[in-house]
Amino acid sequence: MTKPQTDETETENVLRDVRRIVRALSLASRDLARTHELTVAQLLCLRVLRNTGMLSAGALANALSISPQTVTGLLDRLHARGLIARARSETDRRQVLISLSEQGEKLLVATSPSLQDRFVERFSALPPARRAALAEALSAIVSLLEADSLDAAPLLAPGHALTPSSNAVEPILETTLAAEATGASPATTG
């Protein structure tokens, strides 16, 4: 007969599991940087552009749930690598529209399914009652960690955002995106 776990052991197990989640996100981010020389934020921008077509920088910032200042740095780095194209709007010459370049599309094709892609597939396959129980438990953990007031999109790093056409989820964490936009290593944001 097994001995029941103490409250302390249960707490340690939960904290260990939370740390494993954080490490998995950090390792996935490092792997993306190593294999494709991309940050999570850059991958997210490319995926949103692939799913939506041309967007202004402001609309892209809204789609990513990040500030216009953050998206500007991201776009500058993607443009320098030839992964996006910029063009003046034909209807409003003051507006610059951003689109995915052919090189950007090729890079997206070369990226393997992300941690979030795999999570979404596995989570979606669970019975509805199990998904609801997991969501409720995770919400409780967020509250216990006093993180429920933090603004966050429904995304992991890396992965993909909810889009009307794909019903998928893109990766995004505002702090990760902001750090990456300023040139910080993705490994330091996890």
Protein backbone atom coordinates (compact mmCIF):
# COMPACT_ATOMS: atom_id res chain seq x y z
CA MET A 1 0.00 0.00 0.00
CA THR A 2 1.39 3.37 -0.97
CA LYS A 3 1.69 6.18 1.49
CA PRO A 4 -0.41 9.29 0.70
CA GLN A 5 1.60 12.32 -0.42
CA THR A 6 2.01 15.16 2.01
CA ASP A 7 0.92 18.67 1.14
CA GLU A 8 4.60 19.62 0.87
CA THR A 9 5.32 16.85 -1.64
CA GLU A 10 2.27 17.79 -3.73
CA THR A 11 3.37 21.43 -3.71
CA GLU A 12 6.88 20.45 -4.77
CA ASN A 13 5.48 18.29 -7.57
CA VAL A 14 3.31 21.12 -8.88
CA LEU A 15 6.20 23.58 -8.74
CA ARG A 16 8.43 21.06 -10.51
CA ASP A 17 5.81 20.64 -13.23
CA VAL A 18 5.47 24.41 -13.67
CA ARG A 19 9.25 24.63 -14.00
CA ARG A 20 9.18 21.83 -16.61
CA ILE A 21 6.69 23.84 -18.66
CA VAL A 22 8.90 26.92 -18.45
CA ARG A 23 11.95 24.85 -19.47
CA ALA A 24 10.11 23.23 -22.39
CA LEU A 25 9.18 26.69 -23.70
CA SER A 26 12.74 27.93 -23.25
CA LEU A 27 14.27 24.88 -24.97
CA ALA A 28 11.83 25.17 -27.88
CA SER A 29 12.75 28.83 -28.25
CA ARG A 30 16.48 28.05 -28.23
CA ASP A 31 15.98 25.27 -30.77
CA LEU A 32 14.15 27.66 -33.09
CA ALA A 33 16.98 30.19 -32.77
CA ARG A 34 19.63 27.54 -33.39
CA THR A 35 18.00 25.76 -36.32
CA HIS A 36 16.41 28.70 -38.18
CA GLU A 37 18.05 31.80 -36.67
CA LEU A 38 14.57 33.00 -35.72
CA THR A 39 13.09 34.24 -32.51
CA VAL A 40 9.64 33.21 -31.42
CA ALA A 41 8.36 36.69 -32.19
CA GLN A 42 9.79 36.60 -35.70
CA LEU A 43 8.23 33.19 -36.38
CA LEU A 44 4.90 34.48 -35.14
CA CYS A 45 5.08 37.52 -37.43
CA LEU A 46 5.84 35.33 -40.43
CA ARG A 47 2.97 32.96 -39.65
CA VAL A 48 0.48 35.79 -39.16
CA LEU A 49 1.53 37.32 -42.48
CA ARG A 50 1.16 33.96 -44.21
CA ASN A 51 -2.35 33.56 -42.77
CA THR A 52 -3.57 37.10 -43.38
CA GLY A 53 -1.67 38.44 -46.38
CA MET A 54 -0.62 42.08 -46.46
CA LEU A 55 -0.96 44.10 -43.27
CA SER A 56 0.10 47.49 -42.04
CA ALA A 57 2.56 47.54 -39.15
CA GLY A 58 -0.25 48.73 -36.86
CA ALA A 59 -2.60 45.95 -37.94
CA LEU A 60 0.20 43.43 -37.48
CA ALA A 61 0.89 44.79 -33.98
CA ASN A 62 -2.83 44.36 -33.19
CA ALA A 63 -2.87 40.82 -34.61
CA LEU A 64 0.13 39.93 -32.45
CA SER A 65 -1.19 41.76 -29.37
CA ILE A 66 2.03 43.77 -29.09
CA SER A 67 2.87 47.46 -29.21
CA PRO A 68 3.67 49.25 -32.47
CA GLN A 69 7.16 50.02 -31.11
CA THR A 70 7.80 46.32 -30.54
CA VAL A 71 6.63 45.34 -34.01
CA THR A 72 8.84 47.97 -35.70
CA GLY A 73 12.07 46.37 -34.47
CA LEU A 74 10.81 42.93 -35.39
CA LEU A 75 9.94 44.02 -38.91
CA ASP A 76 13.29 45.74 -39.39
CA ARG A 77 15.15 42.49 -38.60
CA LEU A 78 12.85 40.35 -40.77
CA HIS A 79 13.21 42.82 -43.66
CA ALA A 80 17.01 42.84 -43.32
CA ARG A 81 16.97 39.05 -43.78
CA GLY A 82 14.67 39.27 -46.80
CA LEU A 83 11.86 37.38 -45.04
CA ILE A 84 9.25 40.12 -45.50
CA ALA A 85 8.52 42.75 -48.13
CA ARG A 86 7.36 46.31 -47.58
CA ALA A 87 5.29 48.22 -50.12
CA ARG A 88 3.28 51.44 -50.12
CA SER A 89 -0.47 50.99 -50.18
CA GLU A 90 -1.98 51.81 -53.55
CA THR A 91 -5.04 53.37 -51.89
CA ASP A 92 -3.21 55.32 -49.16
CA ARG A 93 0.40 56.20 -50.04
CA ARG A 94 1.08 57.11 -46.42
CA GLN A 95 0.58 53.50 -45.38
CA VAL A 96 3.26 50.83 -45.73
CA LEU A 97 2.00 47.27 -46.08
CA ILE A 98 3.98 44.26 -44.93
CA SER A 99 3.83 40.88 -46.67
CA LEU A 100 5.64 37.58 -46.48
CA SER A 101 8.41 37.28 -49.09
CA GLU A 102 9.13 34.14 -51.07
CA GLN A 103 12.18 33.57 -48.86
CA GLY A 104 9.98 33.96 -45.77
CA GLU A 105 7.53 31.39 -47.13
CA LYS A 106 10.38 28.95 -47.79
CA LEU A 107 11.62 29.39 -44.24
CA LEU A 108 8.14 28.71 -42.83
CA VAL A 109 7.90 25.52 -44.88
CA ALA A 110 11.27 24.43 -43.46
CA THR A 111 10.21 24.90 -39.83
CA SER A 112 9.02 21.75 -38.13
CA PRO A 113 5.83 21.63 -36.06
CA SER A 114 6.33 23.72 -32.97
CA LEU A 115 5.83 22.82 -29.34
CA GLN A 116 2.51 24.65 -29.49
CA ASP A 117 1.45 22.88 -32.68
CA ARG A 118 2.03 19.54 -30.98
CA PHE A 119 0.29 20.71 -27.80
CA VAL A 120 -2.78 21.91 -29.70
CA GLU A 121 -3.04 18.60 -31.53
CA ARG A 122 -2.75 16.54 -28.33
CA PHE A 123 -4.98 18.79 -26.24
CA SER A 124 -7.67 18.83 -28.93
CA ALA A 125 -7.68 15.04 -28.95
CA LEU A 126 -8.56 14.85 -25.25
CA PRO A 127 -12.18 14.29 -24.21
CA PRO A 128 -14.03 17.58 -23.53
CA ALA A 129 -14.37 16.86 -19.81
CA ARG A 130 -10.61 16.29 -19.49
CA ARG A 131 -9.84 19.52 -21.39
CA ALA A 132 -12.19 21.46 -19.11
CA ALA A 133 -10.63 19.95 -15.97
CA LEU A 134 -7.11 20.78 -17.18
CA ALA A 135 -8.13 24.33 -18.08
CA GLU A 136 -9.71 24.83 -14.66
CA ALA A 137 -6.67 23.42 -12.84
CA LEU A 138 -4.26 25.56 -14.83
CA SER A 139 -6.34 28.68 -14.18
CA ALA A 140 -6.15 27.93 -10.46
CA ILE A 141 -2.35 27.60 -10.68
CA VAL A 142 -2.13 30.91 -12.53
CA SER A 143 -4.11 32.55 -9.70
CA LEU A 144 -1.93 30.93 -7.05
CA LEU A 145 1.14 32.29 -8.82
CA GLU A 146 -0.51 35.75 -8.79
CA ALA A 147 -0.21 35.85 -12.56
CA ASP A 148 -3.91 36.20 -13.39
CA SER A 149 -3.59 39.97 -13.81
CA LEU A 150 -0.85 39.61 -16.43
CA ASP A 151 -1.92 40.29 -20.00
CA ALA A 152 -1.18 37.34 -22.27
CA ALA A 153 -2.49 36.07 -25.58
CA PRO A 154 -3.69 32.44 -25.73
CA LEU A 155 -0.33 31.25 -27.02
CA LEU A 156 2.81 29.35 -26.22
CA ALA A 157 6.29 30.18 -27.38
CA PRO A 158 6.71 29.12 -30.16
CA GLY A 159 3.59 28.03 -32.10
CA HIS A 160 0.74 29.92 -33.85
CA ALA A 161 -2.20 32.41 -33.14
CA LEU A 162 -5.88 31.85 -33.59
CA THR A 163 -6.84 32.87 -37.07
CA PRO A 164 -10.27 32.73 -38.65
CA SER A 165 -9.07 30.40 -41.40
CA SER A 166 -6.79 28.03 -39.50
CA ASN A 167 -8.40 27.61 -36.08
CA ALA A 168 -4.81 27.09 -34.90
CA VAL A 169 -2.97 28.85 -32.10
CA GLU A 170 0.17 31.00 -32.67
CA PRO A 171 2.83 31.42 -29.97
CA ILE A 172 3.06 34.70 -28.18
CA LEU A 173 4.10 35.96 -24.82
CA GLU A 174 4.21 39.76 -24.63
CA THR A 175 7.37 39.79 -22.51
CA THR A 176 9.13 37.39 -24.88
CA LEU A 177 8.12 39.44 -27.90
CA ALA A 178 9.18 42.71 -26.31
CA ALA A 179 12.54 41.26 -25.27
CA GLU A 180 13.15 39.78 -28.69
CA ALA A 181 12.19 43.01 -30.42
CA THR A 182 14.94 44.77 -28.49
CA GLY A 183 17.45 42.10 -29.50
CA ALA A 184 17.50 40.05 -26.30
CA SER A 185 18.25 36.37 -26.69
CA PRO A 186 15.15 34.16 -26.67
CA ALA A 187 16.93 31.96 -24.14
CA THR A 188 16.85 34.81 -21.63
CA THR A 189 13.11 35.25 -21.92
CA GLY A 190 12.04 31.74 -20.88
